[in-house]
PDB file of N, CA and C in Angstrom:
ATOM      1  N   UNK A   1       0.860  -1.245  -0.111  1.00  0.00           N
ATOM      2  CA  UNK A   1      -0.088  -0.273  -0.128  1.00  0.00           C
ATOM      3  C   UNK A   1       1.097   1.086   0.033  1.00  0.00           C
ATOM      4  N   UNK A   2       0.489   2.150  -1.082  1.00  0.00           N
ATOM      5  CA  UNK A   2       1.283   3.182  -1.074  1.00  0.00           C
ATOM      6  C   UNK A   2       0.381   4.415  -0.915  1.00  0.00           C
ATOM      7  N   UNK A   3       1.046   5.458  -0.050  1.00  0.00           N
ATOM      8  CA  UNK A   3       0.230   6.283   0.057  1.00  0.00           C
ATOM      9  C   UNK A   3       0.751   7.681  -1.041  1.00  0.00           C
ATOM     10  N   UNK A   4      -0.440   8.343  -1.383  1.00  0.00           N
ATOM     11  CA  UNK A   4       0.017   9.346  -2.319  1.00  0.00           C
ATOM     12  C   UNK A   4       0.013  10.895  -1.481  1.00  0.00           C
ATOM     13  N   UNK A   5       1.012  11.598  -1.266  1.00  0.00           N
ATOM     14  CA  UNK A   5       1.364  12.767  -0.316  1.00  0.00           C
ATOM     15  C   UNK A   5       1.140  13.645  -1.229  1.00  0.00           C
ATOM     16  N   UNK A   6       0.977  14.884  -1.226  1.00  0.00           N
ATOM     17  CA  UNK A   6       1.103  16.122  -2.495  1.00  0.00           C
ATOM     18  C   UNK A   6       1.861  16.842  -1.141  1.00  0.00           C
ATOM     19  N   UNK A   7       3.060  17.077  -1.564  1.00  0.00           N
ATOM     20  CA  UNK A   7       3.930  17.820  -1.009  1.00  0.00           C
ATOM     21  C   UNK A   7       3.925  19.175  -1.759  1.00  0.00           C
ATOM     22  N   UNK A   8       3.554  20.277  -1.076  1.00  0.00           N
ATOM     23  CA  UNK A   8       3.308  21.725  -1.446  1.00  0.00           C
ATOM     24  C   UNK A   8       4.482  22.235  -1.068  1.00  0.00           C
ATOM     25  N   UNK A   9       5.435  22.909  -1.783  1.00  0.00           N
ATOM     26  CA  UNK A   9       6.350  23.561  -1.667  1.00  0.00           C
ATOM     27  C   UNK A   9       6.300  24.878  -0.864  1.00  0.00           C
ATOM     28  N   UNK A  10       6.901  25.289   0.294  1.00  0.00           N
ATOM     29  CA  UNK A  10       6.282  26.304   1.117  1.00  0.00           C
ATOM     30  C   UNK A  10       6.874  27.528   0.676  1.00  0.00           C
ATOM     31  N   UNK A  11       6.042  28.336   0.777  1.00  0.00           N
ATOM     32  CA  UNK A  11       6.053  29.782  -0.240  1.00  0.00           C
ATOM     33  C   UNK A  11       7.560  30.537   0.909  1.00  0.00           C
ATOM     34  N   UNK A  12       8.427  31.097   0.276  1.00  0.00           N
ATOM     35  CA  UNK A  12       9.569  31.795   1.379  1.00  0.00           C
ATOM     36  C   UNK A  12       8.890  33.014   1.735  1.00  0.00           C
ATOM     37  N   UNK A  13       9.775  33.378   2.597  1.00  0.00           N
ATOM     38  CA  UNK A  13       8.901  34.726   3.108  1.00  0.00           C
ATOM     39  C   UNK A  13       9.494  36.033   2.139  1.00  0.00           C
ATOM     40  N   UNK A  14       8.396  36.643   2.204  1.00  0.00           N
ATOM     41  CA  UNK A  14       8.610  38.008   1.096  1.00  0.00           C
ATOM     42  C   UNK A  14       8.779  39.284   1.943  1.00  0.00           C
ATOM     43  N   UNK A  15       9.618  40.070   1.417  1.00  0.00           N
ATOM     44  CA  UNK A  15      10.117  41.039   2.164  1.00  0.00           C
ATOM     45  C   UNK A  15       9.129  42.211   2.343  1.00  0.00           C
ATOM     46  N   UNK A  16       8.896  42.993   3.233  1.00  0.00           N
ATOM     47  CA  UNK A  16       7.769  43.825   3.194  1.00  0.00           C
ATOM     48  C   UNK A  16       8.500  45.062   3.866  1.00  0.00           C
ATOM     49  N   UNK A  17       8.007  46.376   2.960  1.00  0.00           N
ATOM     50  CA  UNK A  17       8.781  47.721   3.598  1.00  0.00           C
ATOM     51  C   UNK A  17       7.231  48.283   3.806  1.00  0.00           C
ATOM     52  N   UNK A  18       8.004  49.391   4.570  1.00  0.00           N
ATOM     53  CA  UNK A  18       7.108  50.684   4.833  1.00  0.00           C
ATOM     54  C   UNK A  18       7.608  51.799   4.435  1.00  0.00           C
ATOM     55  N   UNK A  19       6.746  52.683   3.656  1.00  0.00           N
ATOM     56  CA  UNK A  19       7.300  53.931   2.699  1.00  0.00           C
ATOM     57  C   UNK A  19       6.336  54.910   2.765  1.00  0.00           C
ATOM     58  N   UNK A  20       6.334  56.041   1.845  1.00  0.00           N
ATOM     59  CA  UNK A  20       5.527  56.938   1.874  1.00  0.00           C
ATOM     60  C   UNK A  20       5.540  56.938   0.233  1.00  0.00           C
ATOM     61  N   UNK A  21       4.353  57.049  -0.248  1.00  0.00           N
ATOM     62  CA  UNK A  21       3.955  57.281  -1.744  1.00  0.00           C
ATOM     63  C   UNK A  21       4.635  58.415  -1.969  1.00  0.00           C
ATOM     64  N   UNK A  22       5.323  58.747  -3.241  1.00  0.00           N
ATOM     65  CA  UNK A  22       5.872  60.163  -3.603  1.00  0.00           C
ATOM     66  C   UNK A  22       5.468  60.273  -4.978  1.00  0.00           C
ATOM     67  N   UNK A  23       4.891  58.985  -5.799  1.00  0.00           N
ATOM     68  CA  UNK A  23       4.244  59.511  -7.197  1.00  0.00           C
ATOM     69  C   UNK A  23       3.182  58.368  -7.597  1.00  0.00           C
ATOM     70  N   UNK A  24       2.291  59.121  -8.293  1.00  0.00           N
ATOM     71  CA  UNK A  24       1.139  58.295  -8.515  1.00  0.00           C
ATOM     72  C   UNK A  24       0.704  58.662  -9.934  1.00  0.00           C
ATOM     73  N   UNK A  25       1.696  59.034 -10.844  1.00  0.00           N
ATOM     74  CA  UNK A  25       1.413  59.335 -12.101  1.00  0.00           C
ATOM     75  C   UNK A  25       1.389  58.276 -13.209  1.00  0.00           C
ATOM     76  N   UNK A  26       2.127  57.082 -13.050  1.00  0.00           N
ATOM     77  CA  UNK A  26       1.832  55.913 -14.007  1.00  0.00           C
ATOM     78  C   UNK A  26       0.685  54.997 -13.721  1.00  0.00           C
ATOM     79  N   UNK A  27       0.047  54.679 -14.578  1.00  0.00           N
ATOM     80  CA  UNK A  27      -1.212  53.780 -14.426  1.00  0.00           C
ATOM     81  C   UNK A  27      -0.921  52.626 -13.664  1.00  0.00           C
ATOM     82  N   UNK A  28      -1.721  52.233 -12.754  1.00  0.00           N
ATOM     83  CA  UNK A  28      -1.201  51.244 -11.999  1.00  0.00           C
ATOM     84  C   UNK A  28      -0.147  50.962 -11.327  1.00  0.00           C
ATOM     85  N   UNK A  29       1.064  52.002 -11.406  1.00  0.00           N
ATOM     86  CA  UNK A  29       2.024  52.038 -10.585  1.00  0.00           C
ATOM     87  C   UNK A  29       2.228  53.089  -9.588  1.00  0.00           C
ATOM     88  N   UNK A  30       2.878  52.845  -8.424  1.00  0.00           N
ATOM     89  CA  UNK A  30       3.157  54.065  -7.651  1.00  0.00           C
ATOM     90  C   UNK A  30       4.650  53.976  -7.151  1.00  0.00           C
ATOM     91  N   UNK A  31       5.207  55.208  -6.902  1.00  0.00           N
ATOM     92  CA  UNK A  31       6.779  55.148  -6.044  1.00  0.00           C
ATOM     93  C   UNK A  31       6.557  55.128  -4.879  1.00  0.00           C
ATOM     94  N   UNK A  32       7.301  54.189  -4.073  1.00  0.00           N
ATOM     95  CA  UNK A  32       7.142  54.400  -2.658  1.00  0.00           C
ATOM     96  C   UNK A  32       8.746  54.823  -2.086  1.00  0.00           C
ATOM     97  N   UNK A  33       9.021  55.562  -1.424  1.00  0.00           N
ATOM     98  CA  UNK A  33      10.070  56.011  -0.772  1.00  0.00           C
ATOM     99  C   UNK A  33      10.313  55.230   0.448  1.00  0.00           C
ATOM    100  N   UNK A  34      11.332  54.435   0.737  1.00  0.00           N
ATOM    101  CA  UNK A  34      11.651  53.832   2.158  1.00  0.00           C
ATOM    102  C   UNK A  34      12.694  54.333   2.477  1.00  0.00           C
ATOM    103  N   UNK A  35      12.614  54.689   4.059  1.00  0.00           N
ATOM    104  CA  UNK A  35      13.818  55.270   4.881  1.00  0.00           C
ATOM    105  C   UNK A  35      14.353  54.501   5.777  1.00  0.00           C
ATOM    106  N   UNK A  36      15.697  53.816   5.700  1.00  0.00           N
ATOM    107  CA  UNK A  36      16.150  52.956   6.658  1.00  0.00           C
ATOM    108  C   UNK A  36      17.443  53.637   7.313  1.00  0.00           C
ATOM    109  N   UNK A  37      17.248  53.489   8.854  1.00  0.00           N
ATOM    110  CA  UNK A  37      18.073  53.985   9.646  1.00  0.00           C
ATOM    111  C   UNK A  37      19.260  53.100  10.031  1.00  0.00           C
ATOM    112  N   UNK A  38      20.243  53.017   9.544  1.00  0.00           N
ATOM    113  CA  UNK A  38      21.366  52.079   9.504  1.00  0.00           C
ATOM    114  C   UNK A  38      22.644  52.622   9.948  1.00  0.00           C
ATOM    115  N   UNK A  39      23.554  51.655  10.917  1.00  0.00           N
ATOM    116  CA  UNK A  39      24.346  52.170  11.484  1.00  0.00           C
ATOM    117  C   UNK A  39      25.702  52.447  10.379  1.00  0.00           C
ATOM    118  N   UNK A  40      26.441  53.611  10.213  1.00  0.00           N
ATOM    119  CA  UNK A  40      27.682  54.178   9.387  1.00  0.00           C
ATOM    120  C   UNK A  40      28.609  52.760   9.676  1.00  0.00           C
ATOM    121  N   UNK A  41      29.059  51.987   8.231  1.00  0.00           N
ATOM    122  CA  UNK A  41      30.061  50.817   8.530  1.00  0.00           C
ATOM    123  C   UNK A  41      31.296  51.177   9.227  1.00  0.00           C
ATOM    124  N   UNK A  42      32.018  52.500   9.139  1.00  0.00           N
ATOM    125  CA  UNK A  42      32.872  52.786   9.792  1.00  0.00           C
ATOM    126  C   UNK A  42      32.976  53.682  11.359  1.00  0.00           C
ATOM    127  N   UNK A  43      32.202  54.680  11.208  1.00  0.00           N
ATOM    128  CA  UNK A  43      31.747  55.459  12.179  1.00  0.00           C
ATOM    129  C   UNK A  43      30.869  55.132  13.194  1.00  0.00           C
ATOM    130  N   UNK A  44      30.067  54.336  12.807  1.00  0.00           N
ATOM    131  CA  UNK A  44      28.916  53.474  13.909  1.00  0.00           C
ATOM    132  C   UNK A  44      27.565  54.848  13.959  1.00  0.00           C
ATOM    133  N   UNK A  45      27.827  55.911  13.564  1.00  0.00           N
ATOM    134  CA  UNK A  45      26.841  57.065  13.819  1.00  0.00           C
ATOM    135  C   UNK A  45      25.541  56.383  12.702  1.00  0.00           C
ATOM    136  N   UNK A  46      24.217  56.904  13.411  1.00  0.00           N
ATOM    137  CA  UNK A  46      23.230  56.110  12.837  1.00  0.00           C
ATOM    138  C   UNK A  46      22.870  56.904  11.588  1.00  0.00           C
ATOM    139  N   UNK A  47      22.728  56.654  10.175  1.00  0.00           N
ATOM    140  CA  UNK A  47      22.477  57.510   9.130  1.00  0.00           C
ATOM    141  C   UNK A  47      21.174  56.956   8.721  1.00  0.00           C
ATOM    142  N   UNK A  48      20.697  57.946   7.755  1.00  0.00           N
ATOM    143  CA  UNK A  48      19.069  57.736   6.948  1.00  0.00           C
ATOM    144  C   UNK A  48      19.596  57.048   5.562  1.00  0.00           C
ATOM    145  N   UNK A  49      19.248  55.907   5.023  1.00  0.00           N
ATOM    146  CA  UNK A  49      19.417  55.550   3.832  1.00  0.00           C
ATOM    147  C   UNK A  49      18.309  55.953   3.221  1.00  0.00           C
ATOM    148  N   UNK A  50      17.922  56.077   2.161  1.00  0.00           N
ATOM    149  CA  UNK A  50      16.661  56.134   1.427  1.00  0.00           C
ATOM    150  C   UNK A  50      16.768  55.575  -0.262  1.00  0.00           C
ATOM    151  N   UNK A  51      15.580  54.833  -0.214  1.00  0.00           N
ATOM    152  CA  UNK A  51      15.278  54.106  -1.525  1.00  0.00           C
ATOM    153  C   UNK A  51      14.232  53.867  -2.104  1.00  0.00           C
ATOM    154  N   UNK A  52      13.897  54.261  -3.497  1.00  0.00           N
ATOM    155  CA  UNK A  52      12.746  54.186  -4.064  1.00  0.00           C
ATOM    156  C   UNK A  52      12.463  52.940  -4.563  1.00  0.00           C
ATOM    157  N   UNK A  53      11.062  52.497  -4.588  1.00  0.00           N
ATOM    158  CA  UNK A  53      10.483  51.296  -5.080  1.00  0.00           C
ATOM    159  C   UNK A  53       9.386  51.469  -6.044  1.00  0.00           C
ATOM    160  N   UNK A  54       9.067  50.778  -6.696  1.00  0.00           N
ATOM    161  CA  UNK A  54       8.108  51.058  -7.986  1.00  0.00           C
ATOM    162  C   UNK A  54       7.165  49.654  -7.494  1.00  0.00           C
ATOM    163  N   UNK A  55       5.888  49.874  -7.150  1.00  0.00           N
ATOM    164  CA  UNK A  55       5.248  49.071  -6.911  1.00  0.00           C
ATOM    165  C   UNK A  55       3.721  48.960  -7.434  1.00  0.00           C
ATOM    166  N   UNK A  56       3.105  47.744  -7.417  1.00  0.00           N
ATOM    167  CA  UNK A  56       1.941  47.754  -8.465  1.00  0.00           C
ATOM    168  C   UNK A  56       1.000  48.217  -7.173  1.00  0.00           C
ATOM    169  N   UNK A  57      -0.091  48.723  -7.947  1.00  0.00           N
ATOM    170  CA  UNK A  57      -1.447  49.444  -7.279  1.00  0.00           C
ATOM    171  C   UNK A  57      -2.574  49.053  -8.109  1.00  0.00           C
ATOM    172  N   UNK A  58      -3.069  47.874  -8.296  1.00  0.00           N
ATOM    173  CA  UNK A  58      -4.069  47.486  -9.236  1.00  0.00           C
ATOM    174  C   UNK A  58      -5.336  48.506  -9.173  1.00  0.00           C
ATOM    175  N   UNK A  59      -5.989  48.609  -8.113  1.00  0.00           N
ATOM    176  CA  UNK A  59      -7.223  49.916  -7.953  1.00  0.00           C
ATOM    177  C   UNK A  59      -6.621  51.171  -7.872  1.00  0.00           C
ATOM    178  N   UNK A  60      -5.521  51.525  -7.973  1.00  0.00           N
ATOM    179  CA  UNK A  60      -4.927  52.857  -7.995  1.00  0.00           C
ATOM    180  C   UNK A  60      -5.875  53.284  -6.817  1.00  0.00           C
ATOM    181  N   UNK A  61      -5.453  52.858  -5.668  1.00  0.00           N
ATOM    182  CA  UNK A  61      -6.042  53.588  -4.237  1.00  0.00           C
ATOM    183  C   UNK A  61      -5.088  54.557  -3.469  1.00  0.00           C
ATOM    184  N   UNK A  62      -3.933  54.202  -3.932  1.00  0.00           N
ATOM    185  CA  UNK A  62      -2.866  54.934  -2.998  1.00  0.00           C
ATOM    186  C   UNK A  62      -2.867  56.615  -3.834  1.00  0.00           C
ATOM    187  N   UNK A  63      -2.750  57.479  -2.934  1.00  0.00           N
ATOM    188  CA  UNK A  63      -2.403  58.754  -3.445  1.00  0.00           C
ATOM    189  C   UNK A  63      -1.159  59.217  -2.729  1.00  0.00           C
ATOM    190  N   UNK A  64      -0.739  60.529  -3.342  1.00  0.00           N
ATOM    191  CA  UNK A  64       0.531  61.193  -3.043  1.00  0.00           C
ATOM    192  C   UNK A  64       0.718  61.462  -1.589  1.00  0.00           C
ATOM    193  N   UNK A  65       1.643  60.966  -0.474  1.00  0.00           N
ATOM    194  CA  UNK A  65       1.630  61.219   0.500  1.00  0.00           C
ATOM    195  C   UNK A  65       1.320  60.105   1.913  1.00  0.00           C
ATOM    196  N   UNK A  66       0.616  59.192   1.039  1.00  0.00           N
ATOM    197  CA  UNK A  66       0.026  58.016   1.868  1.00  0.00           C
ATOM    198  C   UNK A  66       1.363  56.998   2.361  1.00  0.00           C
ATOM    199  N   UNK A  67       0.910  56.646   3.953  1.00  0.00           N
ATOM    200  CA  UNK A  67       2.194  55.854   4.199  1.00  0.00           C
ATOM    201  C   UNK A  67       1.584  54.643   3.902  1.00  0.00           C
ATOM    202  N   UNK A  68       2.248  53.713   3.300  1.00  0.00           N
ATOM    203  CA  UNK A  68       2.003  52.209   2.568  1.00  0.00           C
ATOM    204  C   UNK A  68       3.066  51.107   2.927  1.00  0.00           C
ATOM    205  N   UNK A  69       1.954  50.001   3.135  1.00  0.00           N
ATOM    206  CA  UNK A  69       3.330  48.779   3.234  1.00  0.00           C
ATOM    207  C   UNK A  69       3.265  47.982   2.002  1.00  0.00           C
ATOM    208  N   UNK A  70       4.150  47.692   1.604  1.00  0.00           N
ATOM    209  CA  UNK A  70       4.700  47.031  -0.174  1.00  0.00           C
ATOM    210  C   UNK A  70       5.357  45.594   0.467  1.00  0.00           C
ATOM    211  N   UNK A  71       4.876  44.803  -0.846  1.00  0.00           N
ATOM    212  CA  UNK A  71       5.301  43.457  -0.146  1.00  0.00           C
ATOM    213  C   UNK A  71       6.267  42.970  -1.763  1.00  0.00           C
ATOM    214  N   UNK A  72       7.399  42.239  -1.552  1.00  0.00           N
ATOM    215  CA  UNK A  72       8.056  41.880  -2.588  1.00  0.00           C
ATOM    216  C   UNK A  72       7.391  40.740  -3.432  1.00  0.00           C
ATOM    217  N   UNK A  73       7.260  40.333  -4.985  1.00  0.00           N
ATOM    218  CA  UNK A  73       6.750  39.857  -5.591  1.00  0.00           C
ATOM    219  C   UNK A  73       7.336  39.637  -6.855  1.00  0.00           C
ATOM    220  N   UNK A  74       7.292  38.624  -7.822  1.00  0.00           N
ATOM    221  CA  UNK A  74       7.866  38.316  -9.003  1.00  0.00           C
ATOM    222  C   UNK A  74       7.685  39.559  -9.574  1.00  0.00           C
ATOM    223  N   UNK A  75       8.829  39.861 -11.011  1.00  0.00           N
ATOM    224  CA  UNK A  75       9.013  40.840 -11.546  1.00  0.00           C
ATOM    225  C   UNK A  75       7.694  41.176 -12.536  1.00  0.00           C
ATOM    226  N   UNK A  76       7.274  42.153 -12.384  1.00  0.00           N
ATOM    227  CA  UNK A  76       6.172  42.505 -13.109  1.00  0.00           C
ATOM    228  C   UNK A  76       6.422  43.430 -14.432  1.00  0.00           C
ATOM    229  N   UNK A  77       7.467  44.001 -14.476  1.00  0.00           N
ATOM    230  CA  UNK A  77       7.977  44.689 -15.368  1.00  0.00           C
ATOM    231  C   UNK A  77       9.104  45.236 -15.176  1.00  0.00           C
ATOM    232  N   UNK A  78       9.905  45.892 -16.086  1.00  0.00           N
ATOM    233  CA  UNK A  78      11.293  46.082 -16.283  1.00  0.00           C
ATOM    234  C   UNK A  78      11.849  46.713 -14.894  1.00  0.00           C
ATOM    235  N   UNK A  79      10.782  47.520 -14.164  1.00  0.00           N
ATOM    236  CA  UNK A  79      11.354  47.938 -12.865  1.00  0.00           C
ATOM    237  C   UNK A  79      10.256  47.707 -11.565  1.00  0.00           C
ATOM    238  N   UNK A  80       9.302  46.949 -11.824  1.00  0.00           N
ATOM    239  CA  UNK A  80       8.385  46.795 -10.819  1.00  0.00           C
ATOM    240  C   UNK A  80       8.659  45.516 -10.292  1.00  0.00           C
ATOM    241  N   UNK A  81       9.061  45.136  -8.832  1.00  0.00           N
ATOM    242  CA  UNK A  81       9.020  44.301  -8.212  1.00  0.00           C
ATOM    243  C   UNK A  81       8.461  44.085  -7.050  1.00  0.00           C
ATOM    244  N   UNK A  82       7.353  45.100  -6.595  1.00  0.00           N
ATOM    245  CA  UNK A  82       6.604  45.177  -5.327  1.00  0.00           C
ATOM    246  C   UNK A  82       5.461  45.227  -5.684  1.00  0.00           C
ATOM    247  N   UNK A  83       4.291  44.702  -4.659  1.00  0.00           N
ATOM    248  CA  UNK A  83       3.241  44.934  -4.484  1.00  0.00           C
ATOM    249  C   UNK A  83       2.509  45.938  -3.517  1.00  0.00           C
ATOM    250  N   UNK A  84       1.252  46.580  -3.798  1.00  0.00           N
ATOM    251  CA  UNK A  84       0.801  47.274  -2.651  1.00  0.00           C
ATOM    252  C   UNK A  84      -0.018  46.304  -1.686  1.00  0.00           C
ATOM    253  N   UNK A  85       0.100  46.202  -0.295  1.00  0.00           N
ATOM    254  CA  UNK A  85      -0.654  45.316   0.778  1.00  0.00           C
ATOM    255  C   UNK A  85      -1.656  46.065   1.226  1.00  0.00           C
ATOM    256  N   UNK A  86      -1.055  47.266   1.894  1.00  0.00           N
ATOM    257  CA  UNK A  86      -2.415  48.041   2.190  1.00  0.00           C
ATOM    258  C   UNK A  86      -2.067  49.585   2.632  1.00  0.00           C
ATOM    259  N   UNK A  87      -2.970  50.443   2.813  1.00  0.00           N
ATOM    260  CA  UNK A  87      -2.703  51.780   2.992  1.00  0.00           C
ATOM    261  C   UNK A  87      -2.740  51.940   4.600  1.00  0.00           C
ATOM    262  N   UNK A  88      -1.572  52.318   5.232  1.00  0.00           N
ATOM    263  CA  UNK A  88      -1.626  52.401   6.647  1.00  0.00           C
ATOM    264  C   UNK A  88      -2.277  53.787   7.299  1.00  0.00           C
ATOM    265  N   UNK A  89      -1.962  54.831   6.417  1.00  0.00           N
ATOM    266  CA  UNK A  89      -2.482  56.035   6.807  1.00  0.00           C
ATOM    267  C   UNK A  89      -2.551  57.195   5.499  1.00  0.00           C
ATOM    268  N   UNK A  90      -3.633  57.977   5.280  1.00  0.00           N
ATOM    269  CA  UNK A  90      -3.988  58.648   4.269  1.00  0.00           C
ATOM    270  C   UNK A  90      -3.399  60.044   4.560  1.00  0.00           C
TER     271      UNK A  90
END
């Protein structure tokens, strides 16, 4: 008697970031600026590093200045690798 078991591949943890929407001028795409506070490698002082991410917004709900949570996803275009999860604050 052999048992057939379906072994589903566990999905890896996807990175999430919280940032501020700086642009909504593209169709179904938002630009989110993420600011990280990290120690300087030599001087150990806390410095701010910012990075902009292109994120997919299917319903075009986010507006400029909104605080949003984005999640890593498969490549959707040449620059888009993130998707909008939720709008935290309008």
